[in-house]
Amino acid sequence: EDDPYGELSYTGDALPSLRSLNPDGVVYMGSFSKILAPGMRLGYIIAPEHIHFKLVQAKQASDLHTPSFTQRVAYEVLKTGLLDTHIPS
């Protein structure tokens, strides 16, 4: 499920994600570029444990790494709870 805009809802309740309906059968992909900053080219994947290693291998084969600064900014935003205040529930 590719859901970069899933956190953005302007009216009413957001629709449930496919992953919430089938957590063991759906790989969920999101992006920080749509919810934090357009230039932040950083995404994330939530996947069933049985395919985690294959996803890590695919990531390693496709590029060298994601910039450390970008990862640190996202980490701090999540750790401090800033994301929760940035995007109203």
N, C-alpha and C. Protein backbone atom coordinates (compact mmCIF):
# COMPACT_ATOMS: atom_id res chain seq x y z
N GLU A 1 0.86 -1.17 0.00
CA GLU A 1 0.00 0.00 0.00
C GLU A 1 0.90 1.23 0.00
N ASP A 2 0.91 1.97 -1.08
CA ASP A 2 1.69 3.19 -1.20
C ASP A 2 0.80 4.35 -0.77
N ASP A 3 1.08 4.93 0.40
CA ASP A 3 0.15 5.88 1.01
C ASP A 3 0.87 7.17 1.46
N PRO A 4 1.50 7.90 0.53
CA PRO A 4 2.23 9.10 0.96
C PRO A 4 1.33 10.21 1.50
N TYR A 5 0.07 10.23 1.10
CA TYR A 5 -0.84 11.30 1.53
C TYR A 5 -1.81 10.84 2.61
N GLY A 6 -1.59 9.66 3.17
CA GLY A 6 -2.53 9.10 4.14
C GLY A 6 -2.72 9.92 5.40
N GLU A 7 -1.71 10.68 5.79
CA GLU A 7 -1.82 11.50 7.00
C GLU A 7 -2.54 12.82 6.76
N LEU A 8 -2.80 13.14 5.50
CA LEU A 8 -3.44 14.41 5.16
C LEU A 8 -4.92 14.19 4.90
N SER A 9 -5.74 14.76 5.75
CA SER A 9 -7.18 14.66 5.59
C SER A 9 -7.77 16.02 5.94
N TYR A 10 -8.57 16.56 5.05
CA TYR A 10 -9.07 17.91 5.25
C TYR A 10 -10.48 17.95 5.84
N THR A 11 -11.25 16.93 5.56
CA THR A 11 -12.60 16.88 6.13
C THR A 11 -12.93 15.45 6.53
N GLY A 12 -13.61 15.30 7.62
CA GLY A 12 -14.05 13.99 8.06
C GLY A 12 -12.92 13.10 8.52
N ASP A 13 -13.26 11.88 8.83
CA ASP A 13 -12.28 10.90 9.28
C ASP A 13 -11.54 10.32 8.08
N ALA A 14 -10.25 10.02 8.30
CA ALA A 14 -9.47 9.38 7.25
C ALA A 14 -9.96 7.93 7.07
N LEU A 15 -9.83 7.44 5.87
CA LEU A 15 -10.20 6.05 5.61
C LEU A 15 -9.16 5.13 6.24
N PRO A 16 -9.55 3.94 6.66
CA PRO A 16 -8.57 3.02 7.23
C PRO A 16 -7.58 2.55 6.16
N SER A 17 -6.35 2.34 6.57
CA SER A 17 -5.36 1.83 5.63
C SER A 17 -5.63 0.36 5.35
N LEU A 18 -5.15 -0.11 4.21
CA LEU A 18 -5.29 -1.54 3.90
C LEU A 18 -4.54 -2.38 4.92
N ARG A 19 -3.39 -1.85 5.38
CA ARG A 19 -2.59 -2.58 6.37
C ARG A 19 -3.36 -2.76 7.67
N SER A 20 -4.15 -1.78 8.07
CA SER A 20 -4.92 -1.92 9.30
C SER A 20 -5.96 -3.03 9.18
N LEU A 21 -6.35 -3.34 7.96
CA LEU A 21 -7.33 -4.40 7.72
C LEU A 21 -6.68 -5.78 7.58
N ASN A 22 -5.37 -5.79 7.20
CA ASN A 22 -4.66 -7.05 6.98
C ASN A 22 -3.17 -6.87 7.28
N PRO A 23 -2.79 -6.74 8.55
CA PRO A 23 -1.40 -6.42 8.89
C PRO A 23 -0.37 -7.45 8.45
N ASP A 24 -0.74 -8.71 8.33
CA ASP A 24 0.22 -9.74 7.93
C ASP A 24 0.30 -9.90 6.42
N GLY A 25 -0.56 -9.22 5.68
CA GLY A 25 -0.57 -9.41 4.23
C GLY A 25 -0.31 -8.15 3.42
N VAL A 26 -0.04 -7.03 4.10
CA VAL A 26 0.14 -5.76 3.40
C VAL A 26 1.44 -5.10 3.84
N VAL A 27 2.21 -4.63 2.87
CA VAL A 27 3.38 -3.80 3.14
C VAL A 27 2.93 -2.35 2.98
N TYR A 28 3.16 -1.54 4.01
CA TYR A 28 2.71 -0.14 4.03
C TYR A 28 3.91 0.77 3.80
N MET A 29 3.77 1.72 2.86
CA MET A 29 4.84 2.68 2.58
C MET A 29 4.31 4.08 2.77
N GLY A 30 5.08 4.90 3.50
CA GLY A 30 4.72 6.29 3.72
C GLY A 30 5.90 7.20 3.42
N SER A 31 5.67 8.49 3.50
CA SER A 31 6.71 9.47 3.17
C SER A 31 6.67 10.63 4.13
N PHE A 32 7.86 11.07 4.56
CA PHE A 32 7.95 12.26 5.39
C PHE A 32 7.90 13.53 4.54
N SER A 33 8.16 13.41 3.24
CA SER A 33 8.18 14.61 2.38
C SER A 33 6.81 15.27 2.27
N LYS A 34 5.76 14.51 2.44
CA LYS A 34 4.41 15.07 2.32
C LYS A 34 3.90 15.65 3.63
N ILE A 35 4.49 15.24 4.76
CA ILE A 35 3.97 15.69 6.05
C ILE A 35 4.92 16.59 6.83
N LEU A 36 6.21 16.60 6.46
CA LEU A 36 7.17 17.46 7.17
C LEU A 36 7.72 18.56 6.28
N ALA A 37 8.36 18.18 5.18
CA ALA A 37 8.97 19.16 4.29
C ALA A 37 9.10 18.56 2.90
N PRO A 38 8.73 19.30 1.86
CA PRO A 38 8.77 18.75 0.50
C PRO A 38 10.15 18.27 0.07
N GLY A 39 11.20 18.90 0.55
CA GLY A 39 12.55 18.50 0.16
C GLY A 39 13.09 17.31 0.93
N MET A 40 12.35 16.85 1.92
CA MET A 40 12.81 15.72 2.74
C MET A 40 12.50 14.43 2.00
N ARG A 41 13.46 13.92 1.31
CA ARG A 41 13.28 12.72 0.50
C ARG A 41 13.51 11.48 1.35
N LEU A 42 12.58 11.23 2.26
CA LEU A 42 12.72 10.12 3.19
C LEU A 42 11.36 9.46 3.37
N GLY A 43 11.35 8.16 3.17
CA GLY A 43 10.13 7.40 3.36
C GLY A 43 10.34 6.30 4.39
N TYR A 44 9.31 5.52 4.59
CA TYR A 44 9.39 4.42 5.54
C TYR A 44 8.49 3.29 5.08
N ILE A 45 8.80 2.12 5.57
CA ILE A 45 8.01 0.92 5.25
C ILE A 45 7.66 0.22 6.56
N ILE A 46 6.42 -0.20 6.66
CA ILE A 46 5.96 -1.06 7.75
C ILE A 46 5.54 -2.36 7.09
N ALA A 47 6.24 -3.44 7.45
CA ALA A 47 6.01 -4.70 6.74
C ALA A 47 5.94 -5.87 7.72
N PRO A 48 5.31 -6.95 7.27
CA PRO A 48 5.32 -8.16 8.09
C PRO A 48 6.75 -8.63 8.32
N GLU A 49 7.00 -9.17 9.49
CA GLU A 49 8.35 -9.58 9.88
C GLU A 49 8.97 -10.58 8.91
N HIS A 50 8.17 -11.46 8.33
CA HIS A 50 8.73 -12.51 7.48
C HIS A 50 9.34 -11.98 6.18
N ILE A 51 9.10 -10.74 5.79
CA ILE A 51 9.74 -10.21 4.59
C ILE A 51 10.69 -9.06 4.88
N HIS A 52 10.90 -8.75 6.15
CA HIS A 52 11.77 -7.63 6.53
C HIS A 52 13.16 -7.75 5.92
N PHE A 53 13.81 -8.90 6.04
CA PHE A 53 15.17 -9.07 5.54
C PHE A 53 15.25 -8.85 4.04
N LYS A 54 14.25 -9.33 3.30
CA LYS A 54 14.24 -9.14 1.84
C LYS A 54 14.13 -7.66 1.48
N LEU A 55 13.37 -6.90 2.24
CA LEU A 55 13.26 -5.46 2.00
C LEU A 55 14.58 -4.74 2.30
N VAL A 56 15.25 -5.15 3.36
CA VAL A 56 16.57 -4.58 3.68
C VAL A 56 17.54 -4.87 2.54
N GLN A 57 17.54 -6.08 2.03
CA GLN A 57 18.41 -6.44 0.91
C GLN A 57 18.10 -5.60 -0.33
N ALA A 58 16.83 -5.40 -0.61
CA ALA A 58 16.44 -4.60 -1.79
C ALA A 58 16.89 -3.15 -1.63
N LYS A 59 16.76 -2.60 -0.45
CA LYS A 59 17.21 -1.24 -0.18
C LYS A 59 18.71 -1.12 -0.36
N GLN A 60 19.46 -2.06 0.20
CA GLN A 60 20.91 -2.03 0.08
C GLN A 60 21.37 -2.19 -1.36
N ALA A 61 20.64 -2.94 -2.16
CA ALA A 61 21.02 -3.15 -3.55
C ALA A 61 20.67 -1.94 -4.43
N SER A 62 19.72 -1.13 -3.97
CA SER A 62 19.25 -0.03 -4.82
C SER A 62 19.98 1.28 -4.60
N ASP A 63 20.57 1.49 -3.43
CA ASP A 63 21.35 2.71 -3.19
C ASP A 63 22.33 2.49 -2.05
N LEU A 64 23.18 3.46 -1.83
CA LEU A 64 24.18 3.32 -0.77
C LEU A 64 23.61 3.61 0.60
N HIS A 65 22.93 4.75 0.75
CA HIS A 65 22.33 5.09 2.03
C HIS A 65 21.47 6.35 1.89
N THR A 66 20.64 6.56 2.86
CA THR A 66 19.86 7.79 2.96
C THR A 66 20.69 8.77 3.78
N PRO A 67 20.72 10.06 3.40
CA PRO A 67 21.54 11.02 4.13
C PRO A 67 21.29 11.00 5.64
N SER A 68 22.36 10.98 6.40
CA SER A 68 22.27 10.90 7.86
C SER A 68 21.53 12.08 8.46
N PHE A 69 21.76 13.28 7.92
CA PHE A 69 21.09 14.46 8.47
C PHE A 69 19.57 14.34 8.34
N THR A 70 19.11 13.89 7.18
CA THR A 70 17.67 13.72 6.95
C THR A 70 17.09 12.69 7.91
N GLN A 71 17.80 11.60 8.10
CA GLN A 71 17.34 10.58 9.04
C GLN A 71 17.28 11.12 10.47
N ARG A 72 18.29 11.92 10.83
CA ARG A 72 18.34 12.47 12.19
C ARG A 72 17.18 13.44 12.44
N VAL A 73 16.88 14.28 11.45
CA VAL A 73 15.76 15.21 11.60
C VAL A 73 14.46 14.44 11.81
N ALA A 74 14.22 13.43 11.01
CA ALA A 74 12.99 12.63 11.16
C ALA A 74 12.97 11.94 12.53
N TYR A 75 14.09 11.41 12.95
CA TYR A 75 14.18 10.75 14.25
C TYR A 75 13.80 11.71 15.38
N GLU A 76 14.37 12.91 15.35
CA GLU A 76 14.10 13.89 16.41
C GLU A 76 12.63 14.32 16.40
N VAL A 77 12.06 14.50 15.22
CA VAL A 77 10.65 14.88 15.11
C VAL A 77 9.76 13.80 15.72
N LEU A 78 10.08 12.55 15.44
CA LEU A 78 9.29 11.45 15.99
C LEU A 78 9.53 11.28 17.49
N LYS A 79 10.78 11.36 17.92
CA LYS A 79 11.14 11.14 19.32
C LYS A 79 10.53 12.19 20.24
N THR A 80 10.53 13.44 19.80
CA THR A 80 10.05 14.53 20.65
C THR A 80 8.54 14.72 20.60
N GLY A 81 7.86 14.02 19.70
CA GLY A 81 6.41 14.17 19.58
C GLY A 81 6.00 15.34 18.72
N LEU A 82 6.95 16.00 18.07
CA LEU A 82 6.64 17.15 17.23
C LEU A 82 5.69 16.78 16.09
N LEU A 83 5.82 15.58 15.57
CA LEU A 83 4.95 15.16 14.47
C LEU A 83 3.48 15.18 14.91
N ASP A 84 3.22 14.77 16.15
CA ASP A 84 1.84 14.75 16.65
C ASP A 84 1.25 16.15 16.75
N THR A 85 2.08 17.15 17.04
CA THR A 85 1.58 18.53 17.11
C THR A 85 1.55 19.17 15.72
N HIS A 86 2.37 18.67 14.81
CA HIS A 86 2.44 19.21 13.45
C HIS A 86 1.23 18.78 12.62
N ILE A 87 0.77 17.56 12.85
CA ILE A 87 -0.39 17.02 12.12
C ILE A 87 -1.49 16.73 13.13
N PRO A 88 -2.55 17.52 13.13
CA PRO A 88 -3.66 17.27 14.07
C PRO A 88 -4.31 15.92 13.80
N SER A 89 -4.77 15.26 14.84
CA SER A 89 -5.45 13.97 14.66
C SER A 89 -6.89 14.20 14.31
